[in-house]
Amino acid sequence: MNSPFKPVAGVESQIVYVRPVTVADLPDELRAQIGDVETVYSVNRPDGERVALVRDRSLAFSLARQHDLAPVSTH
């Protein structure tokens, strides 16, 4: 399950935060798309806005780097 990546336009900081998200904490509509996975990874701007939600941590980092962003892990 991959959510479309929204580009971070006009943001001075190129840092994005990658953090694990428990699927049970997501809205029903997203949980229905995810399936049997318990944890997904969120790519967030410094202000907390989620720009992507992906199944795999390495994919989250790759996605950020492909968009010239600097991913950082968070808890």
N, C-alpha and C. Protein backbone atom coordinates (compact mmCIF):
# COMPACT_ATOMS: atom_id res chain seq x y z
N MET A 1 0.85 -1.16 0.00
CA MET A 1 0.00 0.00 0.00
C MET A 1 0.88 1.22 0.00
N ASN A 2 0.73 2.04 -0.99
CA ASN A 2 1.46 3.30 -1.06
C ASN A 2 0.47 4.42 -1.25
N SER A 3 0.70 5.51 -0.53
CA SER A 3 -0.10 6.71 -0.72
C SER A 3 0.67 7.62 -1.65
N PRO A 4 -0.01 8.42 -2.47
CA PRO A 4 0.70 9.33 -3.36
C PRO A 4 1.56 10.31 -2.57
N PHE A 5 2.70 10.65 -3.13
CA PHE A 5 3.61 11.59 -2.49
C PHE A 5 3.22 13.00 -2.90
N LYS A 6 3.01 13.85 -1.89
CA LYS A 6 2.72 15.26 -2.16
C LYS A 6 4.03 16.02 -2.05
N PRO A 7 4.48 16.70 -3.12
CA PRO A 7 5.73 17.44 -3.05
C PRO A 7 5.66 18.54 -2.00
N VAL A 8 6.79 18.80 -1.40
CA VAL A 8 6.87 19.83 -0.37
C VAL A 8 7.34 21.11 -1.04
N ALA A 9 6.41 21.89 -1.57
CA ALA A 9 6.74 23.11 -2.30
C ALA A 9 6.92 24.28 -1.34
N GLY A 10 7.96 25.06 -1.57
CA GLY A 10 8.16 26.27 -0.81
C GLY A 10 8.63 26.08 0.61
N VAL A 11 9.03 24.90 0.97
CA VAL A 11 9.51 24.66 2.32
C VAL A 11 11.01 24.92 2.35
N GLU A 12 11.45 25.77 3.28
CA GLU A 12 12.86 26.11 3.34
C GLU A 12 13.69 24.92 3.81
N SER A 13 13.20 24.18 4.77
CA SER A 13 13.92 23.01 5.28
C SER A 13 13.62 21.82 4.38
N GLN A 14 14.66 21.11 4.00
CA GLN A 14 14.48 19.93 3.18
C GLN A 14 14.43 18.66 4.02
N ILE A 15 14.36 18.81 5.34
CA ILE A 15 14.29 17.65 6.23
C ILE A 15 12.85 17.14 6.29
N VAL A 16 12.71 15.83 6.22
CA VAL A 16 11.43 15.17 6.49
C VAL A 16 11.69 14.09 7.53
N TYR A 17 10.68 13.79 8.31
CA TYR A 17 10.80 12.83 9.38
C TYR A 17 10.07 11.55 9.01
N VAL A 18 10.75 10.43 9.18
CA VAL A 18 10.17 9.12 8.89
C VAL A 18 9.90 8.46 10.24
N ARG A 19 8.65 8.08 10.44
CA ARG A 19 8.32 7.44 11.72
C ARG A 19 7.35 6.29 11.50
N PRO A 20 7.44 5.29 12.35
CA PRO A 20 6.49 4.18 12.25
C PRO A 20 5.12 4.62 12.75
N VAL A 21 4.08 4.09 12.13
CA VAL A 21 2.70 4.39 12.51
C VAL A 21 1.97 3.06 12.67
N THR A 22 1.32 2.87 13.78
CA THR A 22 0.52 1.67 13.99
C THR A 22 -0.74 1.77 13.14
N VAL A 23 -0.98 0.77 12.33
CA VAL A 23 -2.13 0.79 11.41
C VAL A 23 -3.44 0.97 12.17
N ALA A 24 -3.54 0.42 13.36
CA ALA A 24 -4.77 0.55 14.16
C ALA A 24 -5.09 2.00 14.49
N ASP A 25 -4.08 2.89 14.45
CA ASP A 25 -4.28 4.31 14.76
C ASP A 25 -4.72 5.13 13.55
N LEU A 26 -4.79 4.51 12.39
CA LEU A 26 -5.15 5.22 11.16
C LEU A 26 -6.66 5.22 10.96
N PRO A 27 -7.16 6.15 10.13
CA PRO A 27 -8.60 6.16 9.82
C PRO A 27 -9.02 4.86 9.13
N ASP A 28 -10.31 4.52 9.29
CA ASP A 28 -10.86 3.29 8.72
C ASP A 28 -10.58 3.14 7.23
N GLU A 29 -10.71 4.22 6.47
CA GLU A 29 -10.53 4.14 5.02
C GLU A 29 -9.10 3.73 4.65
N LEU A 30 -8.11 4.17 5.42
CA LEU A 30 -6.74 3.75 5.14
C LEU A 30 -6.49 2.32 5.61
N ARG A 31 -7.02 1.96 6.76
CA ARG A 31 -6.84 0.58 7.26
C ARG A 31 -7.38 -0.43 6.28
N ALA A 32 -8.48 -0.11 5.63
CA ALA A 32 -9.09 -1.03 4.66
C ALA A 32 -8.16 -1.27 3.46
N GLN A 33 -7.36 -0.27 3.10
CA GLN A 33 -6.45 -0.39 1.96
C GLN A 33 -5.16 -1.11 2.31
N ILE A 34 -4.79 -1.09 3.58
CA ILE A 34 -3.49 -1.60 3.99
C ILE A 34 -3.45 -3.11 4.10
N GLY A 35 -4.48 -3.72 4.61
CA GLY A 35 -4.48 -5.17 4.74
C GLY A 35 -3.93 -5.64 6.07
N ASP A 36 -3.12 -6.70 6.03
CA ASP A 36 -2.66 -7.37 7.25
C ASP A 36 -1.40 -6.78 7.89
N VAL A 37 -0.94 -5.65 7.42
CA VAL A 37 0.26 -5.03 7.97
C VAL A 37 -0.08 -4.34 9.28
N GLU A 38 0.78 -4.47 10.29
CA GLU A 38 0.53 -3.83 11.59
C GLU A 38 1.15 -2.45 11.69
N THR A 39 2.26 -2.22 10.96
CA THR A 39 2.97 -0.94 11.02
C THR A 39 3.29 -0.46 9.62
N VAL A 40 3.08 0.82 9.37
CA VAL A 40 3.50 1.47 8.14
C VAL A 40 4.40 2.65 8.53
N TYR A 41 4.94 3.34 7.55
CA TYR A 41 5.86 4.44 7.82
C TYR A 41 5.34 5.72 7.18
N SER A 42 5.38 6.77 7.99
CA SER A 42 4.89 8.07 7.58
C SER A 42 6.08 8.99 7.31
N VAL A 43 6.00 9.74 6.21
CA VAL A 43 6.99 10.77 5.90
C VAL A 43 6.30 12.10 6.19
N ASN A 44 6.88 12.86 7.12
CA ASN A 44 6.24 14.11 7.58
C ASN A 44 7.16 15.31 7.41
N ARG A 45 6.54 16.43 7.07
CA ARG A 45 7.26 17.71 7.05
C ARG A 45 7.56 18.12 8.50
N PRO A 46 8.46 19.07 8.69
CA PRO A 46 8.77 19.53 10.05
C PRO A 46 7.55 20.07 10.82
N ASP A 47 6.55 20.57 10.11
CA ASP A 47 5.35 21.07 10.78
C ASP A 47 4.37 19.95 11.13
N GLY A 48 4.72 18.71 10.81
CA GLY A 48 3.89 17.57 11.15
C GLY A 48 2.99 17.08 10.03
N GLU A 49 2.89 17.83 8.95
CA GLU A 49 2.02 17.40 7.84
C GLU A 49 2.57 16.12 7.21
N ARG A 50 1.70 15.14 7.07
CA ARG A 50 2.09 13.87 6.44
C ARG A 50 2.08 14.06 4.93
N VAL A 51 3.20 13.72 4.29
CA VAL A 51 3.28 13.83 2.84
C VAL A 51 3.27 12.48 2.15
N ALA A 52 3.51 11.41 2.91
CA ALA A 52 3.45 10.07 2.33
C ALA A 52 3.26 9.05 3.44
N LEU A 53 2.67 7.96 3.06
CA LEU A 53 2.46 6.84 3.96
C LEU A 53 2.78 5.58 3.16
N VAL A 54 3.82 4.86 3.59
CA VAL A 54 4.27 3.69 2.82
C VAL A 54 4.44 2.48 3.73
N ARG A 55 4.51 1.33 3.13
CA ARG A 55 4.55 0.06 3.86
C ARG A 55 5.92 -0.22 4.46
N ASP A 56 6.97 0.32 3.90
CA ASP A 56 8.32 -0.11 4.24
C ASP A 56 9.20 1.09 4.59
N ARG A 57 10.02 0.96 5.65
CA ARG A 57 10.88 2.05 6.09
C ARG A 57 11.89 2.45 5.01
N SER A 58 12.51 1.48 4.37
CA SER A 58 13.50 1.81 3.33
C SER A 58 12.84 2.50 2.15
N LEU A 59 11.61 2.14 1.84
CA LEU A 59 10.88 2.82 0.77
C LEU A 59 10.61 4.28 1.15
N ALA A 60 10.30 4.53 2.41
CA ALA A 60 10.07 5.90 2.87
C ALA A 60 11.33 6.74 2.69
N PHE A 61 12.48 6.18 3.05
CA PHE A 61 13.74 6.92 2.88
C PHE A 61 14.05 7.13 1.40
N SER A 62 13.85 6.11 0.58
CA SER A 62 14.12 6.23 -0.86
C SER A 62 13.21 7.27 -1.50
N LEU A 63 11.95 7.25 -1.13
CA LEU A 63 10.98 8.20 -1.67
C LEU A 63 11.38 9.63 -1.34
N ALA A 64 11.78 9.86 -0.10
CA ALA A 64 12.21 11.20 0.31
C ALA A 64 13.43 11.64 -0.49
N ARG A 65 14.41 10.78 -0.60
CA ARG A 65 15.64 11.14 -1.33
C ARG A 65 15.38 11.39 -2.81
N GLN A 66 14.45 10.65 -3.41
CA GLN A 66 14.11 10.87 -4.82
C GLN A 66 13.51 12.26 -5.05
N HIS A 67 12.97 12.84 -3.98
CA HIS A 67 12.38 14.18 -4.07
C HIS A 67 13.29 15.23 -3.45
N ASP A 68 14.58 14.92 -3.39
CA ASP A 68 15.61 15.84 -2.87
C ASP A 68 15.35 16.30 -1.45
N LEU A 69 14.82 15.39 -0.64
CA LEU A 69 14.57 15.67 0.76
C LEU A 69 15.56 14.86 1.60
N ALA A 70 15.79 15.32 2.83
CA ALA A 70 16.71 14.65 3.73
C ALA A 70 15.93 13.94 4.83
N PRO A 71 15.73 12.62 4.71
CA PRO A 71 14.93 11.90 5.71
C PRO A 71 15.71 11.65 7.00
N VAL A 72 14.99 11.76 8.10
CA VAL A 72 15.52 11.53 9.44
C VAL A 72 14.55 10.62 10.17
N SER A 73 15.07 9.62 10.90
CA SER A 73 14.21 8.73 11.68
C SER A 73 13.73 9.41 12.94
N THR A 74 12.49 9.12 13.32
CA THR A 74 11.95 9.55 14.60
C THR A 74 11.28 8.35 15.24
N HIS A 75 10.91 8.48 16.49
CA HIS A 75 10.27 7.39 17.22
C HIS A 75 8.78 7.62 17.28
